[in-house]
PDB file of N, CA and C in Angstrom:
ATOM      1  N   MET A   1    -137.222  44.475 -80.824  1.00  0.00           N
ATOM      2  CA  MET A   1    -136.453  45.639 -81.183  1.00  0.00           C
ATOM      3  C   MET A   1    -135.491  45.263 -82.292  1.00  0.00           C
ATOM      4  N   ALA A   2    -135.466  46.000 -83.374  1.00  0.00           N
ATOM      5  CA  ALA A   2    -134.553  45.664 -84.497  1.00  0.00           C
ATOM      6  C   ALA A   2    -133.133  45.995 -84.091  1.00  0.00           C
ATOM      7  N   GLU A   3    -132.167  45.380 -84.709  1.00  0.00           N
ATOM      8  CA  GLU A   3    -130.741  45.512 -84.344  1.00  0.00           C
ATOM      9  C   GLU A   3    -130.316  46.981 -84.454  1.00  0.00           C
ATOM     10  N   HIS A   4    -130.736  47.728 -85.489  1.00  0.00           N
ATOM     11  CA  HIS A   4    -130.296  49.150 -85.606  1.00  0.00           C
ATOM     12  C   HIS A   4    -130.808  49.985 -84.521  1.00  0.00           C
ATOM     13  N   GLU A   5    -131.906  49.572 -83.838  1.00  0.00           N
ATOM     14  CA  GLU A   5    -132.510  50.368 -82.758  1.00  0.00           C
ATOM     15  C   GLU A   5    -131.713  50.172 -81.497  1.00  0.00           C
ATOM     16  N   LYS A   6    -130.743  49.282 -81.455  1.00  0.00           N
ATOM     17  CA  LYS A   6    -129.971  48.972 -80.239  1.00  0.00           C
ATOM     18  C   LYS A   6    -128.641  49.736 -80.231  1.00  0.00           C
ATOM     19  N   ARG A   7    -128.403  50.500 -81.294  1.00  0.00           N
ATOM     20  CA  ARG A   7    -127.084  51.175 -81.351  1.00  0.00           C
ATOM     21  C   ARG A   7    -127.150  52.536 -80.636  1.00  0.00           C
ATOM     22  N   PHE A   8    -126.167  52.751 -79.747  1.00  0.00           N
ATOM     23  CA  PHE A   8    -126.079  53.916 -78.957  1.00  0.00           C
ATOM     24  C   PHE A   8    -124.738  54.574 -79.163  1.00  0.00           C
ATOM     25  N   VAL A   9    -124.701  55.919 -78.997  1.00  0.00           N
ATOM     26  CA  VAL A   9    -123.396  56.676 -79.071  1.00  0.00           C
ATOM     27  C   VAL A   9    -123.391  57.706 -77.966  1.00  0.00           C
ATOM     28  N   TRP A  10    -122.163  58.052 -77.612  1.00  0.00           N
ATOM     29  CA  TRP A  10    -121.948  59.168 -76.695  1.00  0.00           C
ATOM     30  C   TRP A  10    -121.790  60.404 -77.478  1.00  0.00           C
ATOM     31  N   VAL A  11    -122.549  61.500 -77.040  1.00  0.00           N
ATOM     32  CA  VAL A  11    -122.443  62.785 -77.637  1.00  0.00           C
ATOM     33  C   VAL A  11    -122.284  63.872 -76.620  1.00  0.00           C
ATOM     34  N   LYS A  12    -121.740  64.991 -77.086  1.00  0.00           N
ATOM     35  CA  LYS A  12    -121.552  66.132 -76.148  1.00  0.00           C
ATOM     36  C   LYS A  12    -122.333  67.307 -76.730  1.00  0.00           C
ATOM     37  N   ASP A  13    -122.918  68.136 -75.836  1.00  0.00           N
ATOM     38  CA  ASP A  13    -123.563  69.332 -76.270  1.00  0.00           C
ATOM     39  C   ASP A  13    -122.607  70.475 -76.227  1.00  0.00           C
ATOM     40  N   ASN A  14    -122.952  71.669 -76.609  1.00  0.00           N
ATOM     41  CA  ASN A  14    -122.013  72.727 -76.713  1.00  0.00           C
ATOM     42  C   ASN A  14    -121.386  73.143 -75.377  1.00  0.00           C
ATOM     43  N   ALA A  15    -122.085  72.795 -74.307  1.00  0.00           N
ATOM     44  CA  ALA A  15    -121.572  73.085 -72.953  1.00  0.00           C
ATOM     45  C   ALA A  15    -120.610  72.045 -72.422  1.00  0.00           C
ATOM     46  N   GLY A  16    -120.449  70.931 -73.200  1.00  0.00           N
ATOM     47  CA  GLY A  16    -119.511  69.900 -72.808  1.00  0.00           C
ATOM     48  C   GLY A  16    -120.129  68.734 -72.039  1.00  0.00           C
ATOM     49  N   ASN A  17    -121.532  68.827 -71.813  1.00  0.00           N
ATOM     50  CA  ASN A  17    -122.176  67.743 -71.068  1.00  0.00           C
ATOM     51  C   ASN A  17    -122.336  66.514 -71.957  1.00  0.00           C
ATOM     52  N   GLU A  18    -122.172  65.337 -71.408  1.00  0.00           N
ATOM     53  CA  GLU A  18    -122.173  64.086 -72.209  1.00  0.00           C
ATOM     54  C   GLU A  18    -123.572  63.409 -72.068  1.00  0.00           C
ATOM     55  N   TYR A  19    -123.941  62.813 -73.102  1.00  0.00           N
ATOM     56  CA  TYR A  19    -125.202  62.114 -73.146  1.00  0.00           C
ATOM     57  C   TYR A  19    -125.037  60.776 -73.980  1.00  0.00           C
ATOM     58  N   VAL A  20    -125.882  59.810 -73.594  1.00  0.00           N
ATOM     59  CA  VAL A  20    -125.831  58.615 -74.409  1.00  0.00           C
ATOM     60  C   VAL A  20    -127.199  58.619 -75.155  1.00  0.00           C
ATOM     61  N   CYS A  21    -127.193  58.381 -76.497  1.00  0.00           N
ATOM     62  CA  CYS A  21    -128.341  58.476 -77.321  1.00  0.00           C
ATOM     63  C   CYS A  21    -128.408  57.345 -78.300  1.00  0.00           C
ATOM     64  N   ARG A  22    -129.649  56.952 -78.661  1.00  0.00           N
ATOM     65  CA  ARG A  22    -129.846  56.047 -79.751  1.00  0.00           C
ATOM     66  C   ARG A  22    -129.439  56.716 -81.065  1.00  0.00           C
ATOM     67  N   VAL A  23    -128.677  56.063 -81.876  1.00  0.00           N
ATOM     68  CA  VAL A  23    -128.271  56.645 -83.164  1.00  0.00           C
ATOM     69  C   VAL A  23    -129.487  57.159 -83.961  1.00  0.00           C
ATOM     70  N   ASP A  24    -130.544  56.376 -83.921  1.00  0.00           N
ATOM     71  CA  ASP A  24    -131.767  56.729 -84.737  1.00  0.00           C
ATOM     72  C   ASP A  24    -132.406  58.001 -84.204  1.00  0.00           C
ATOM     73  N   ASP A  25    -132.176  58.444 -82.986  1.00  0.00           N
ATOM     74  CA  ASP A  25    -132.804  59.597 -82.386  1.00  0.00           C
ATOM     75  C   ASP A  25    -132.048  60.865 -82.784  1.00  0.00           C
ATOM     76  N   LEU A  26    -130.885  60.766 -83.454  1.00  0.00           N
ATOM     77  CA  LEU A  26    -130.063  61.895 -83.785  1.00  0.00           C
ATOM     78  C   LEU A  26    -130.151  62.256 -85.247  1.00  0.00           C
ATOM     79  N   LYS A  27    -130.229  63.547 -85.554  1.00  0.00           N
ATOM     80  CA  LYS A  27    -130.191  63.976 -87.014  1.00  0.00           C
ATOM     81  C   LYS A  27    -128.737  63.841 -87.503  1.00  0.00           C
ATOM     82  N   ASP A  28    -127.788  64.339 -86.665  1.00  0.00           N
ATOM     83  CA  ASP A  28    -126.367  64.296 -86.983  1.00  0.00           C
ATOM     84  C   ASP A  28    -125.627  64.211 -85.670  1.00  0.00           C
ATOM     85  N   PRO A  29    -125.002  63.027 -85.363  1.00  0.00           N
ATOM     86  CA  PRO A  29    -124.288  62.878 -84.080  1.00  0.00           C
ATOM     87  C   PRO A  29    -123.150  63.895 -83.849  1.00  0.00           C
ATOM     88  N   LYS A  30    -122.679  64.516 -84.856  1.00  0.00           N
ATOM     89  CA  LYS A  30    -121.595  65.485 -84.678  1.00  0.00           C
ATOM     90  C   LYS A  30    -122.117  66.900 -84.392  1.00  0.00           C
ATOM     91  N   LYS A  31    -123.364  67.137 -84.632  1.00  0.00           N
ATOM     92  CA  LYS A  31    -124.005  68.444 -84.381  1.00  0.00           C
ATOM     93  C   LYS A  31    -125.331  68.203 -83.627  1.00  0.00           C
ATOM     94  N   VAL A  32    -125.207  68.017 -82.324  1.00  0.00           N
ATOM     95  CA  VAL A  32    -126.380  67.751 -81.457  1.00  0.00           C
ATOM     96  C   VAL A  32    -127.043  68.998 -81.041  1.00  0.00           C
ATOM     97  N   ASP A  33    -128.381  69.011 -81.132  1.00  0.00           N
ATOM     98  CA  ASP A  33    -129.170  70.219 -80.679  1.00  0.00           C
ATOM     99  C   ASP A  33    -130.131  69.735 -79.567  1.00  0.00           C
ATOM    100  N   GLU A  34    -130.829  70.722 -78.964  1.00  0.00           N
ATOM    101  CA  GLU A  34    -131.743  70.429 -77.873  1.00  0.00           C
ATOM    102  C   GLU A  34    -132.845  69.415 -78.284  1.00  0.00           C
ATOM    103  N   ASP A  35    -133.267  69.520 -79.512  1.00  0.00           N
ATOM    104  CA  ASP A  35    -134.286  68.567 -80.053  1.00  0.00           C
ATOM    105  C   ASP A  35    -133.801  67.135 -79.955  1.00  0.00           C
ATOM    106  N   ASP A  36    -132.526  66.948 -80.381  1.00  0.00           N
ATOM    107  CA  ASP A  36    -131.968  65.579 -80.369  1.00  0.00           C
ATOM    108  C   ASP A  36    -131.875  65.069 -78.963  1.00  0.00           C
ATOM    109  N   LEU A  37    -131.536  65.910 -78.056  1.00  0.00           N
ATOM    110  CA  LEU A  37    -131.296  65.480 -76.669  1.00  0.00           C
ATOM    111  C   LEU A  37    -132.446  65.164 -75.840  1.00  0.00           C
ATOM    112  N   LYS A  38    -133.676  65.383 -76.332  1.00  0.00           N
ATOM    113  CA  LYS A  38    -134.886  65.059 -75.586  1.00  0.00           C
ATOM    114  C   LYS A  38    -135.010  63.565 -75.317  1.00  0.00           C
ATOM    115  N   ASN A  39    -134.525  62.697 -76.189  1.00  0.00           N
ATOM    116  CA  ASN A  39    -134.625  61.268 -76.001  1.00  0.00           C
ATOM    117  C   ASN A  39    -133.339  60.643 -75.500  1.00  0.00           C
ATOM    118  N   CYS A  40    -132.377  61.465 -75.074  1.00  0.00           N
ATOM    119  CA  CYS A  40    -131.087  60.956 -74.688  1.00  0.00           C
ATOM    120  C   CYS A  40    -131.011  60.950 -73.119  1.00  0.00           C
ATOM    121  N   LEU A  41    -130.053  60.213 -72.602  1.00  0.00           N
ATOM    122  CA  LEU A  41    -129.813  60.121 -71.187  1.00  0.00           C
ATOM    123  C   LEU A  41    -128.584  60.903 -70.822  1.00  0.00           C
ATOM    124  N   ASP A  42    -128.748  61.888 -69.923  1.00  0.00           N
ATOM    125  CA  ASP A  42    -127.635  62.723 -69.474  1.00  0.00           C
ATOM    126  C   ASP A  42    -126.660  61.814 -68.631  1.00  0.00           C
ATOM    127  N   ASP A  43    -125.416  61.977 -68.900  1.00  0.00           N
ATOM    128  CA  ASP A  43    -124.433  61.212 -68.164  1.00  0.00           C
ATOM    129  C   ASP A  43    -124.523  61.344 -66.676  1.00  0.00           C
ATOM    130  N   ALA A  44    -124.845  62.513 -66.181  1.00  0.00           N
ATOM    131  CA  ALA A  44    -124.968  62.759 -64.735  1.00  0.00           C
ATOM    132  C   ALA A  44    -126.193  62.079 -64.168  1.00  0.00           C
ATOM    133  N   SER A  45    -127.158  61.845 -64.951  1.00  0.00           N
ATOM    134  CA  SER A  45    -128.413  61.240 -64.390  1.00  0.00           C
ATOM    135  C   SER A  45    -128.280  59.737 -64.246  1.00  0.00           C
ATOM    136  N   ARG A  46    -127.183  59.182 -64.694  1.00  0.00           N
ATOM    137  CA  ARG A  46    -126.927  57.721 -64.536  1.00  0.00           C
ATOM    138  C   ARG A  46    -126.452  57.416 -63.123  1.00  0.00           C
ATOM    139  N   ALA A  47    -125.958  58.405 -62.430  1.00  0.00           N
ATOM    140  CA  ALA A  47    -125.382  58.210 -61.065  1.00  0.00           C
ATOM    141  C   ALA A  47    -126.399  57.711 -60.077  1.00  0.00           C
ATOM    142  N   LEU A  48    -126.006  56.775 -59.346  1.00  0.00           N
ATOM    143  CA  LEU A  48    -126.851  56.217 -58.292  1.00  0.00           C
ATOM    144  C   LEU A  48    -126.211  56.454 -56.936  1.00  0.00           C
ATOM    145  N   PRO A  49    -127.004  56.858 -55.939  1.00  0.00           N
ATOM    146  CA  PRO A  49    -126.427  57.046 -54.654  1.00  0.00           C
ATOM    147  C   PRO A  49    -125.890  55.722 -54.023  1.00  0.00           C
ATOM    148  N   ILE A  50    -124.681  55.689 -53.661  1.00  0.00           N
ATOM    149  CA  ILE A  50    -124.148  54.403 -53.132  1.00  0.00           C
ATOM    150  C   ILE A  50    -123.936  54.497 -51.631  1.00  0.00           C
ATOM    151  N   GLY A  51    -124.231  55.615 -51.005  1.00  0.00           N
ATOM    152  CA  GLY A  51    -124.104  55.728 -49.610  1.00  0.00           C
ATOM    153  C   GLY A  51    -122.683  56.069 -49.156  1.00  0.00           C
ATOM    154  N   ASP A  52    -122.450  56.043 -47.843  1.00  0.00           N
ATOM    155  CA  ASP A  52    -121.114  56.342 -47.308  1.00  0.00           C
ATOM    156  C   ASP A  52    -120.265  55.117 -47.123  1.00  0.00           C
TER     157      ASP A  52
END
């Protein structure tokens, strides 16, 4: 994997949800649309159940 393919950024959609995305997957990190978010990881999906 090339060095530029390892660069990630946090972005927010219009609803305020956070995602982590590869920079190369975004057209414009300041204006994210649904197409951009297809290859991103939703912040909430990172949560792992830790039990009680």
